[in-house]
Protein backbone atom coordinates (compact mmCIF):
# COMPACT_ATOMS: atom_id res chain seq x y z
CA PRO A 1 0.00 0.00 0.00
CA GLN A 2 1.16 3.46 -0.88
CA ASN A 3 1.31 6.23 1.66
CA PRO A 4 -1.22 8.87 0.55
CA LYS A 5 1.27 11.64 1.37
CA THR A 6 3.91 10.16 -0.95
CA PRO A 7 3.36 11.58 -4.45
CA PHE A 8 5.15 8.77 -6.25
CA ASN A 9 5.42 5.01 -6.15
CA SER A 10 8.33 4.05 -3.90
CA ASN A 11 9.28 1.23 -6.31
CA ILE A 12 10.22 3.73 -9.02
CA TYR A 13 13.74 4.98 -8.98
CA PHE A 14 14.58 8.36 -10.39
CA SER A 15 17.95 8.97 -11.84
CA SER A 16 19.15 12.48 -12.27
CA THR A 17 21.92 13.44 -14.59
CA ILE A 18 23.75 16.71 -14.84
CA ASN A 19 24.41 17.93 -18.32
CA PHE A 20 27.78 19.58 -18.70
CA ASN A 21 28.22 22.03 -21.50
CA ILE A 22 31.58 23.19 -22.71
CA PHE A 23 32.04 26.68 -24.02
CA PHE A 24 35.21 27.69 -25.75
CA LYS A 25 36.91 31.03 -25.72
CA MET A 26 39.91 31.75 -27.88
CA VAL A 27 43.21 30.75 -26.28
CA ASN A 28 45.92 33.41 -26.20
CA VAL A 29 49.47 32.07 -26.70
CA LYS A 30 52.40 34.42 -26.26
CA LEU A 31 55.92 33.52 -27.30
CA LEU A 32 58.53 35.63 -25.57
CA GLY A 33 61.92 35.72 -27.23
CA ARG A 34 64.73 37.72 -28.80
CA PRO A 35 65.98 38.19 -32.35
CA CYS A 36 68.63 35.74 -33.56
CA CYS A 37 67.64 33.17 -30.92
CA ILE A 38 67.67 29.70 -32.47
CA THR A 39 65.44 28.09 -29.84
CA CYS A 40 62.96 30.99 -30.16
CA GLU A 41 62.79 30.39 -33.92
CA GLN A 42 62.20 26.68 -33.28
CA ALA A 43 59.36 27.50 -30.87
CA LYS A 44 57.88 29.92 -33.43
CA PHE A 45 58.04 27.21 -36.11
CA LEU A 46 56.39 24.72 -33.75
CA LEU A 47 53.51 27.10 -33.00
CA LYS A 48 52.99 27.78 -36.72
CA ARG A 49 52.94 24.04 -37.43
CA ILE A 50 50.40 23.41 -34.68
CA LYS A 51 48.18 26.17 -36.04
CA THR A 52 48.32 24.78 -39.60
CA ARG A 53 47.17 21.43 -38.20
CA GLY A 54 43.93 23.01 -37.06
CA VAL A 55 44.57 23.89 -33.42
CA LYS A 56 42.87 27.24 -32.87
CA PHE A 57 44.59 29.94 -30.82
CA GLU A 58 45.63 33.57 -31.03
CA GLY A 59 49.39 33.76 -31.27
CA GLN A 60 51.63 36.68 -30.43
CA TYR A 61 55.41 37.06 -30.55
CA ILE A 62 56.90 39.49 -28.04
CA ASN A 63 60.48 40.71 -28.44
CA LEU A 64 61.87 40.96 -24.92
CA LEU A 65 64.35 43.61 -26.04
CA LYS A 66 61.45 45.99 -26.73
CA THR A 67 59.36 45.56 -23.58
CA ASN A 68 59.88 45.55 -19.82
CA GLU A 69 56.57 43.85 -19.07
CA TYR A 70 58.11 40.35 -19.07
CA LYS A 71 61.68 41.19 -18.03
CA MET A 72 61.68 38.44 -15.38
CA TYR A 73 61.93 35.90 -18.22
CA ASN A 74 65.03 37.39 -19.90
CA ASP A 75 67.25 34.50 -18.84
CA PHE A 76 64.83 31.75 -19.83
CA ILE A 77 63.93 32.37 -23.47
CA PRO A 78 61.98 31.12 -25.23
CA VAL A 79 59.02 31.44 -22.88
CA ILE A 80 55.46 30.43 -23.76
CA LEU A 81 52.51 31.85 -21.88
CA ILE A 82 49.05 30.38 -22.41
CA ASN A 83 46.30 32.76 -21.30
CA GLU A 84 48.98 34.68 -19.35
CA LYS A 85 49.98 31.56 -17.39
CA LEU A 86 53.50 30.21 -17.73
CA PHE A 87 53.52 27.03 -19.79
CA TYR A 88 57.18 26.72 -20.75
CA LYS A 89 60.50 28.42 -20.15
CA GLN A 90 63.86 27.23 -21.42
CA GLU A 91 65.91 25.75 -18.63
CA GLU A 92 68.73 23.26 -18.66
CA GLY A 93 67.35 19.81 -19.33
CA THR A 94 63.91 20.95 -20.50
CA LYS A 95 62.57 20.37 -23.98
CA LEU A 96 59.50 21.84 -25.61
CA MET A 97 57.30 18.93 -26.63
CA GLU A 98 54.69 19.44 -29.35
CA ARG A 99 52.14 17.04 -27.87
CA ASN A 100 52.30 18.78 -24.47
CA LEU A 101 51.87 22.18 -26.09
CA VAL A 102 48.89 21.01 -28.17
CA SER A 103 47.27 19.45 -25.11
CA ALA A 104 47.78 22.62 -23.05
CA ILE A 105 46.28 24.81 -25.78
CA LEU A 106 43.29 22.52 -26.33
CA ASN A 107 42.50 22.34 -22.62
CA ALA A 108 43.23 25.96 -21.67
CA ASP A 109 40.02 27.35 -23.11
CA LYS A 110 37.45 25.02 -21.59
CA VAL A 111 35.02 26.55 -19.15
CA TRP A 112 32.77 23.97 -17.55
CA PHE A 113 29.42 24.83 -16.07
CA THR A 114 26.15 23.14 -15.21
CA PRO A 115 22.96 24.59 -16.65
């Protein structure tokens, strides 16, 4: 017998799901470097290659000799910032990997929310 105050049959189970929607905003990638820097040119080539393969981002090259905004990175060029967050800086023993850069760009723009 069903309790008259219960508006549904107690044998029915309700499952609720939350729909997640993903919205994308354009990713901003900044390459900080200097002229005549071989590793900066390699990083620039890598970013161009990634873009031609269909990865969408806004790219910007910043010459550290012409700005003081990023002077803390002068000793670590090339430097890559993704949405103003440090992704990569050249240090001894580090190597810029294309797959890591692609993954960081693809995942940097995702904003998750529940409707």
